[in-house]
Amino acid sequence: MSTVRIAVDLAKNVFEIAVSVHAGQVRERHRLSRPQFERFWSTRAPCRVILEACSSAHFWARYLISRGFDVVLLPPHYVRPYRRRSKTDRSDCDALLEADRCAGIHPVAIKSPDQQALVALHRIRSQWLRSRTARINAMRGLLREFGVTAPAGAQRFMNELHPLLCARQASLPPQIRGAVVSLWEEVRDLEERIDCLEAELQAVASQEPAVQALLKIPGIGPLTATALFATVADIHAFRNGRQLACWLGLTPREFSSGGRRRLGRISKQGDPYVRMLLIHGARAALNAARRAKAAEKPLTHLQAWALERARDAHANKAAVALANKLARIAWAVWYHEREFTGNHVVRLAA
C-alpha cells in the first residue's frame, strides 16, 4: 500500500498541492492551474488524496476515485485548528496533512451526482421561498404606506389582493397599483416554479427505496426524506442513531469538567436546513398525536412518548426531543433496511 499522501487546497482556478511520504514532511509542492491540475493526476500512481469538504470537493473526489485514488474529505471546521500562523493555500495543505493523521476526525461521505442534484434542488427551493416572502412583504409595506392594510397569511393575501386593489383604487396612485400587480405576478410565477420543483422531488421519492422507507415514519414527508437522503449520503458512516442526531445538531451541547456534567441547549451543528425540516415535521407529528388523543383513538408507543414529553416540558422542547427521536428512527430504518412500526419495543437480552 502506498504511503504517499497528497493534500489539495481546492479553488476555482488555482490549486495548491502538497505531497508527503513521511509524516510531518512535505516532499513536493505544486501550484497548478485547472488544466495543469487535471494533467497532474495522470502522472501519479494511486495513493491517498486529502481534500477539504468545500465547494466542488465532491466533484473532484468522484473524479479522482474514478482514476483509482483513495480520496478523503475532511470537515473544514476540524481542519482549521491544525493551520499554523497565517492562512495561505500552502498552510491549508499542511493543515490537511496534519488533520488526516488524527483518527478521531471522521471524513465526510462523498455524494453521488444524484444526491448532489437533490441538495441543489432543495437549495433552489429555499431561495425561491425567500424571494416569495420578500416580495409579499414588499407589497404589504407599499400598501401600508398608503393606508391599506392587507389580510394576514401569505395565501390569503395573494388570493384577496386584486379585490382589495379594486376596493381601494381611489386611495392608491396608479404607479403603486402597477408596481404591486407586477410583484403579485412575480410571486405567482415563483409559486408555479416551486410546485414544479416539488413535483420533481416527489418523483425522486417514489423511485428511491431508502426514501420510501423514510416516508413511513410519522413527521417525515417527501421534503424531509429527500433532504435527509441527499445530505447524509452514506448512512453507514454513522454507527448508531445518536451519532446521526448529534451530526444534525439535535443533541445537547455539553459543558462538563471533572465530576460535574452540564448539558445545555442543542448544539445546532450540521445542516440547519435538514434540522429545520425535522423539527417542523416533529411539530406536525406531535399535533397529530394530540388530535388522535382528543378523538380517543389508540395511540402508538411513539405518540404516547411524544405526548408525555409535551406534558413534562414546553411544546418547543418536546418538538426538538421528538425530532431527535425521529432522526434516530430514520437511522435504524435506513441502516437496517427495515420498515418502521410505531409500536416497536426494544427487547433487552436476558
Protein backbone atom coordinates (compact mmCIF):
# COMPACT_ATOMS: atom_id res chain seq x y z
CA MET A 1 0.00 0.00 0.00
CA SER A 2 1.35 3.43 -0.96
CA THR A 3 2.47 5.69 1.90
CA VAL A 4 2.22 8.79 -0.27
CA ARG A 5 -0.35 11.36 0.81
CA ILE A 6 -1.36 14.30 -1.36
CA ALA A 7 -3.18 17.26 0.17
CA VAL A 8 -5.09 19.54 -2.20
CA ASP A 9 -6.38 23.02 -1.45
CA LEU A 10 -9.20 23.48 -3.95
CA ALA A 11 -10.10 26.75 -5.63
CA LYS A 12 -11.78 27.99 -8.79
CA ASN A 13 -8.69 28.41 -10.97
CA VAL A 14 -5.57 27.82 -8.85
CA PHE A 15 -4.90 24.56 -6.96
CA GLU A 16 -2.23 24.14 -4.28
CA ILE A 17 -0.79 20.63 -3.84
CA ALA A 18 1.47 19.21 -1.14
CA VAL A 19 2.94 15.69 -1.46
CA SER A 20 4.08 13.88 1.69
CA VAL A 21 5.74 10.47 2.03
CA HIS A 22 6.71 10.60 5.71
CA ALA A 23 4.57 12.11 8.45
CA GLY A 24 5.43 15.75 9.12
CA GLN A 25 7.50 16.14 5.94
CA VAL A 26 6.39 17.65 2.62
CA ARG A 27 8.43 16.37 -0.31
CA GLU A 28 6.83 18.29 -3.16
CA ARG A 29 4.73 21.41 -3.58
CA HIS A 30 2.90 22.49 -6.72
CA ARG A 31 0.69 25.43 -7.63
CA LEU A 32 -1.32 24.50 -10.72
CA SER A 33 -3.96 25.94 -12.99
CA ARG A 34 -7.06 23.88 -13.72
CA PRO A 35 -5.71 22.25 -16.94
CA GLN A 36 -2.40 21.51 -15.20
CA PHE A 37 -4.30 20.12 -12.21
CA GLU A 38 -6.18 17.64 -14.40
CA ARG A 39 -2.97 16.56 -16.15
CA PHE A 40 -1.14 16.18 -12.83
CA TRP A 41 -3.12 13.08 -11.83
CA SER A 42 -2.23 11.18 -14.99
CA THR A 43 1.41 11.26 -13.89
CA ARG A 44 0.72 9.90 -10.39
CA ALA A 45 0.31 6.39 -9.09
CA PRO A 46 -2.81 5.76 -6.98
CA CYS A 47 -2.39 7.00 -3.41
CA ARG A 48 -4.32 8.74 -0.64
CA VAL A 49 -5.65 12.20 -1.53
CA ILE A 50 -6.92 14.56 1.17
CA LEU A 51 -9.43 17.29 0.31
CA GLU A 52 -11.37 19.77 2.37
CA ALA A 53 -15.15 19.29 2.09
CA CYS A 54 -15.83 22.59 0.34
CA SER A 55 -17.20 23.82 -2.97
CA SER A 56 -16.52 21.38 -5.86
CA ALA A 57 -14.92 18.86 -3.44
CA HIS A 58 -17.44 16.09 -4.19
CA PHE A 59 -16.90 16.51 -7.93
CA TRP A 60 -13.13 16.24 -7.64
CA ALA A 61 -13.46 13.33 -5.20
CA ARG A 62 -15.51 11.37 -7.75
CA TYR A 63 -13.05 12.41 -10.48
CA LEU A 64 -10.08 11.03 -8.52
CA ILE A 65 -11.85 7.88 -7.34
CA SER A 66 -12.59 7.00 -10.97
CA ARG A 67 -8.82 7.11 -11.55
CA GLY A 68 -8.03 4.74 -8.69
CA PHE A 69 -7.12 7.20 -5.92
CA ASP A 70 -8.25 6.81 -2.30
CA VAL A 71 -9.97 10.12 -1.54
CA VAL A 72 -10.81 11.53 1.90
CA LEU A 73 -12.95 14.62 2.51
CA LEU A 74 -12.29 16.29 5.87
CA PRO A 75 -14.69 18.74 7.56
CA PRO A 76 -13.28 22.29 7.29
CA HIS A 77 -14.02 23.23 10.92
CA TYR A 78 -11.90 20.28 12.11
CA VAL A 79 -9.02 21.10 9.75
CA ARG A 80 -8.84 24.77 10.81
CA PRO A 81 -7.17 24.15 14.24
CA TYR A 82 -4.24 22.44 12.52
CA ARG A 83 -3.38 25.53 10.48
CA ARG A 84 -0.39 27.46 11.84
CA ARG A 85 0.14 31.20 11.61
CA SER A 86 -1.34 32.96 8.57
CA LYS A 87 -3.95 31.46 6.30
CA THR A 88 -2.43 30.67 2.92
CA ASP A 89 -3.00 27.92 0.38
CA ARG A 90 0.28 26.33 1.47
CA SER A 91 -0.64 26.36 5.16
CA ASP A 92 -4.06 24.91 4.30
CA CYS A 93 -2.36 21.94 2.62
CA ASP A 94 -0.11 21.42 5.64
CA ALA A 95 -3.17 21.52 7.91
CA LEU A 96 -4.90 18.87 5.77
CA LEU A 97 -1.91 16.56 6.07
CA GLU A 98 -1.80 17.01 9.85
CA ALA A 99 -5.56 16.58 10.30
CA ASP A 100 -5.51 13.37 8.25
CA ARG A 101 -3.23 11.82 10.88
CA CYS A 102 -5.94 12.28 13.55
CA ALA A 103 -8.04 9.11 13.74
CA GLY A 104 -10.77 10.96 15.67
CA ILE A 105 -11.80 13.08 12.68
CA HIS A 106 -14.48 11.29 10.70
CA PRO A 107 -14.39 12.01 6.96
CA VAL A 108 -17.36 13.41 5.06
CA ALA A 109 -19.25 10.90 2.91
CA ILE A 110 -18.79 11.54 -0.81
CA LYS A 111 -22.09 12.32 -2.51
CA SER A 112 -23.16 10.78 -5.79
CA PRO A 113 -24.22 13.10 -8.65
CA ASP A 114 -27.88 12.28 -7.97
CA GLN A 115 -27.54 13.14 -4.28
CA GLN A 116 -25.81 16.42 -5.13
CA ALA A 117 -28.61 17.22 -7.58
CA LEU A 118 -31.19 16.64 -4.83
CA VAL A 119 -29.34 19.00 -2.48
CA ALA A 120 -29.23 21.61 -5.26
CA LEU A 121 -33.00 21.32 -5.81
CA HIS A 122 -33.63 21.91 -2.11
CA ARG A 123 -31.32 24.93 -2.11
CA ILE A 124 -33.10 26.41 -5.14
CA ARG A 125 -36.47 25.86 -3.49
CA SER A 126 -35.29 27.64 -0.34
CA GLN A 127 -34.09 30.62 -2.39
CA TRP A 128 -37.40 30.85 -4.23
CA LEU A 129 -39.31 30.70 -0.94
CA ARG A 130 -37.20 33.53 0.46
CA SER A 131 -37.80 35.57 -2.71
CA ARG A 132 -41.54 34.90 -2.46
CA THR A 133 -41.63 36.05 1.16
CA ALA A 134 -39.58 39.17 0.35
CA ARG A 135 -41.95 40.19 -2.44
CA ILE A 136 -45.06 39.63 -0.32
CA ASN A 137 -43.54 41.75 2.45
CA ALA A 138 -42.68 44.44 -0.10
CA MET A 139 -46.29 44.53 -1.28
CA ARG A 140 -47.55 44.77 2.29
CA GLY A 141 -45.17 47.63 3.01
CA LEU A 142 -46.12 49.57 -0.11
CA LEU A 143 -49.83 49.25 0.63
CA ARG A 144 -49.39 50.18 4.28
CA GLU A 145 -47.68 53.43 3.27
CA PHE A 146 -50.96 54.47 1.65
CA GLY A 147 -53.19 53.35 4.49
CA VAL A 148 -54.20 49.98 3.02
CA THR A 149 -53.96 47.06 5.45
CA ALA A 150 -53.59 43.67 3.78
CA PRO A 151 -55.05 40.45 5.25
CA ALA A 152 -52.76 38.20 7.30
CA GLY A 153 -51.40 35.00 5.81
CA ALA A 154 -49.47 34.68 2.55
CA GLN A 155 -52.06 32.57 0.72
CA ARG A 156 -54.98 34.71 1.84
CA PHE A 157 -53.07 37.86 0.89
CA MET A 158 -52.38 36.56 -2.62
CA ASN A 159 -55.99 35.48 -3.19
CA GLU A 160 -57.56 38.72 -1.91
CA LEU A 161 -55.11 41.27 -3.30
CA HIS A 162 -56.93 42.10 -6.54
CA PRO A 163 -60.34 42.71 -4.86
CA LEU A 164 -58.52 44.84 -2.28
CA LEU A 165 -56.86 46.95 -5.00
CA CYS A 166 -60.22 47.49 -6.73
CA ALA A 167 -61.90 48.49 -3.47
CA ARG A 168 -59.13 50.99 -2.55
CA GLN A 169 -58.44 52.20 -6.07
CA ALA A 170 -59.15 55.84 -5.20
CA SER A 171 -56.54 55.97 -2.41
CA LEU A 172 -53.73 54.30 -4.38
CA PRO A 173 -51.69 56.11 -7.09
CA PRO A 174 -51.60 54.29 -10.46
CA GLN A 175 -47.83 53.79 -10.15
CA ILE A 176 -48.23 51.92 -6.87
CA ARG A 177 -51.04 49.76 -8.21
CA GLY A 178 -48.90 48.82 -11.22
CA ALA A 179 -45.88 48.01 -9.03
CA VAL A 180 -47.96 45.85 -6.67
CA VAL A 181 -49.53 43.94 -9.55
CA SER A 182 -46.06 43.29 -11.03
CA LEU A 183 -44.87 41.92 -7.70
CA TRP A 184 -48.01 39.78 -7.41
CA GLU A 185 -47.29 38.27 -10.84
CA GLU A 186 -43.69 37.53 -9.79
CA VAL A 187 -44.94 35.71 -6.69
CA ARG A 188 -47.38 33.61 -8.75
CA ASP A 189 -44.55 32.73 -11.13
CA LEU A 190 -42.35 31.70 -8.19
CA GLU A 191 -45.16 29.57 -6.76
CA GLU A 192 -45.52 27.73 -10.07
CA ARG A 193 -41.77 27.06 -10.15
CA ILE A 194 -41.82 25.83 -6.55
CA ASP A 195 -44.71 23.47 -7.35
CA CYS A 196 -42.82 22.04 -10.35
CA LEU A 197 -39.67 21.55 -8.27
CA GLU A 198 -41.61 19.82 -5.50
CA ALA A 199 -43.11 17.52 -8.14
CA GLU A 200 -39.55 16.58 -9.16
CA LEU A 201 -38.69 15.79 -5.55
CA GLN A 202 -41.86 13.71 -5.25
CA ALA A 203 -40.82 11.74 -8.35
CA VAL A 204 -37.41 11.02 -6.83
CA ALA A 205 -39.04 9.97 -3.56
CA SER A 206 -41.22 7.44 -5.40
CA GLN A 207 -38.21 5.80 -7.08
CA GLU A 208 -35.66 5.57 -4.24
CA PRO A 209 -36.23 2.63 -1.81
CA ALA A 210 -34.42 4.34 1.10
CA VAL A 211 -36.61 7.44 0.73
CA GLN A 212 -39.74 5.27 0.55
CA ALA A 213 -38.78 3.64 3.86
CA LEU A 214 -38.20 7.04 5.49
CA LEU A 215 -41.62 8.27 4.32
CA LYS A 216 -43.35 5.73 6.57
CA ILE A 217 -42.01 7.49 9.67
CA PRO A 218 -44.50 9.98 11.18
CA GLY A 219 -43.39 13.58 10.70
CA ILE A 220 -41.15 12.78 7.71
CA GLY A 221 -42.58 13.80 4.34
CA PRO A 222 -41.09 13.95 0.84
CA LEU A 223 -39.12 17.15 1.55
CA THR A 224 -37.53 15.84 4.75
CA ALA A 225 -36.91 12.35 3.36
CA THR A 226 -35.20 13.53 0.16
CA ALA A 227 -33.17 16.19 2.02
CA LEU A 228 -32.02 13.65 4.61
CA PHE A 229 -31.16 11.07 1.93
CA ALA A 230 -29.13 13.57 -0.10
CA THR A 231 -27.38 15.28 2.81
CA VAL A 232 -26.38 12.16 4.77
CA ALA A 233 -25.23 10.37 1.56
CA ASP A 234 -23.89 7.25 3.34
CA ILE A 235 -25.86 6.12 6.40
CA HIS A 236 -23.18 3.52 7.21
CA ALA A 237 -20.84 6.38 8.18
CA PHE A 238 -22.83 6.53 11.44
CA ARG A 239 -22.55 3.64 13.91
CA ASN A 240 -25.82 4.41 15.67
CA GLY A 241 -28.78 6.77 15.69
CA ARG A 242 -27.29 9.06 18.32
CA GLN A 243 -24.34 9.82 16.05
CA LEU A 244 -26.75 10.90 13.31
CA ALA A 245 -28.77 13.05 15.73
CA CYS A 246 -25.52 14.58 17.02
CA TRP A 247 -24.34 15.25 13.44
CA LEU A 248 -27.63 17.07 12.80
CA GLY A 249 -27.18 19.22 15.92
CA LEU A 250 -30.15 17.73 17.81
CA THR A 251 -28.26 16.61 20.91
CA PRO A 252 -27.39 18.79 23.95
CA ARG A 253 -24.23 20.82 23.96
CA GLU A 254 -22.05 19.68 26.83
CA PHE A 255 -20.03 21.84 29.25
CA SER A 256 -18.53 19.26 31.59
CA SER A 257 -15.44 19.24 33.75
CA GLY A 258 -14.22 16.88 36.43
CA GLY A 259 -17.15 15.16 38.10
CA ARG A 260 -19.68 17.78 37.08
CA ARG A 261 -21.67 17.27 33.91
CA ARG A 262 -23.60 20.14 32.37
CA LEU A 263 -25.90 19.70 29.40
CA GLY A 264 -27.15 22.84 27.66
CA ARG A 265 -29.25 23.56 24.62
CA ILE A 266 -28.95 21.58 21.40
CA SER A 267 -25.64 22.12 19.65
CA LYS A 268 -27.19 23.22 16.30
CA GLN A 269 -24.25 21.67 14.46
CA GLY A 270 -24.60 20.25 10.97
CA ASP A 271 -27.03 21.23 8.24
CA PRO A 272 -29.58 23.77 9.58
CA TYR A 273 -31.97 23.09 6.69
CA VAL A 274 -32.38 19.37 7.48
CA ARG A 275 -32.65 20.14 11.19
CA MET A 276 -35.38 22.69 10.48
CA LEU A 277 -37.33 20.17 8.40
CA LEU A 278 -37.08 17.53 11.13
CA ILE A 279 -38.27 19.92 13.84
CA HIS A 280 -41.21 21.13 11.73
CA GLY A 281 -42.06 17.51 10.99
CA ALA A 282 -41.90 16.72 14.70
CA ARG A 283 -44.36 19.54 15.41
CA ALA A 284 -46.76 18.07 12.85
CA ALA A 285 -46.41 14.57 14.35
CA LEU A 286 -46.99 15.99 17.85
CA ASN A 287 -50.14 17.78 16.71
CA ALA A 288 -51.36 14.57 15.06
CA ALA A 289 -50.85 12.72 18.33
CA ARG A 290 -52.85 15.38 20.19
CA ARG A 291 -55.70 15.10 17.70
CA ALA A 292 -55.68 11.30 17.99
CA LYS A 293 -55.84 11.55 21.77
CA ALA A 294 -58.69 14.09 21.62
CA ALA A 295 -60.63 11.77 19.31
CA GLU A 296 -59.95 8.88 21.73
CA LYS A 297 -58.12 6.88 19.08
CA PRO A 298 -55.49 4.29 20.06
CA LEU A 299 -52.00 5.81 20.30
CA THR A 300 -48.78 4.21 19.13
CA HIS A 301 -45.86 3.98 21.54
CA LEU A 302 -44.17 6.84 19.68
CA GLN A 303 -47.26 9.07 20.01
CA ALA A 304 -47.62 8.26 23.70
CA TRP A 305 -43.94 9.06 24.25
CA ALA A 306 -44.26 12.38 22.41
CA LEU A 307 -47.34 13.41 24.41
CA GLU A 308 -45.54 12.53 27.65
CA ARG A 309 -42.64 14.80 26.67
CA ALA A 310 -45.09 17.60 25.80
CA ARG A 311 -46.77 17.19 29.18
CA ASP A 312 -43.49 17.40 31.10
CA ALA A 313 -41.82 20.21 29.12
CA HIS A 314 -42.51 23.18 26.87
CA ALA A 315 -44.00 22.42 23.46
CA ASN A 316 -40.83 23.61 21.69
CA LYS A 317 -38.64 21.33 23.80
CA ALA A 318 -41.00 18.44 23.14
CA ALA A 319 -40.81 19.10 19.38
CA VAL A 320 -36.99 19.11 19.44
CA ALA A 321 -36.95 15.93 21.54
CA LEU A 322 -39.27 14.26 19.06
CA ALA A 323 -37.08 15.48 16.16
CA ASN A 324 -34.13 13.81 17.89
CA LYS A 325 -36.16 10.63 18.19
CA LEU A 326 -37.19 10.81 14.51
CA ALA A 327 -33.55 11.16 13.46
CA ARG A 328 -32.66 8.04 15.43
CA ILE A 329 -35.61 6.14 13.97
CA ALA A 330 -34.59 7.27 10.48
CA TRP A 331 -31.09 5.87 11.09
CA ALA A 332 -32.48 2.49 12.23
CA VAL A 333 -34.90 2.22 9.31
CA TRP A 334 -32.29 3.21 6.75
CA TYR A 335 -29.28 1.41 8.24
CA HIS A 336 -31.04 -1.91 8.89
CA GLU A 337 -33.29 -1.66 5.80
CA ARG A 338 -36.50 -2.40 7.68
CA GLU A 339 -39.93 -0.82 7.90
CA PHE A 340 -40.99 1.49 10.69
CA THR A 341 -43.59 0.45 13.23
CA GLY A 342 -44.87 2.92 15.79
CA ASN A 343 -45.28 0.17 18.40
CA HIS A 344 -41.74 -1.20 18.17
CA VAL A 345 -40.33 -2.03 21.60
CA VAL A 346 -36.65 -2.73 22.25
CA ARG A 347 -36.25 -6.09 23.97
CA LEU A 348 -33.19 -6.39 26.15
CA ALA A 349 -31.29 -9.67 26.16
CA ALA A 350 -31.86 -11.80 29.24
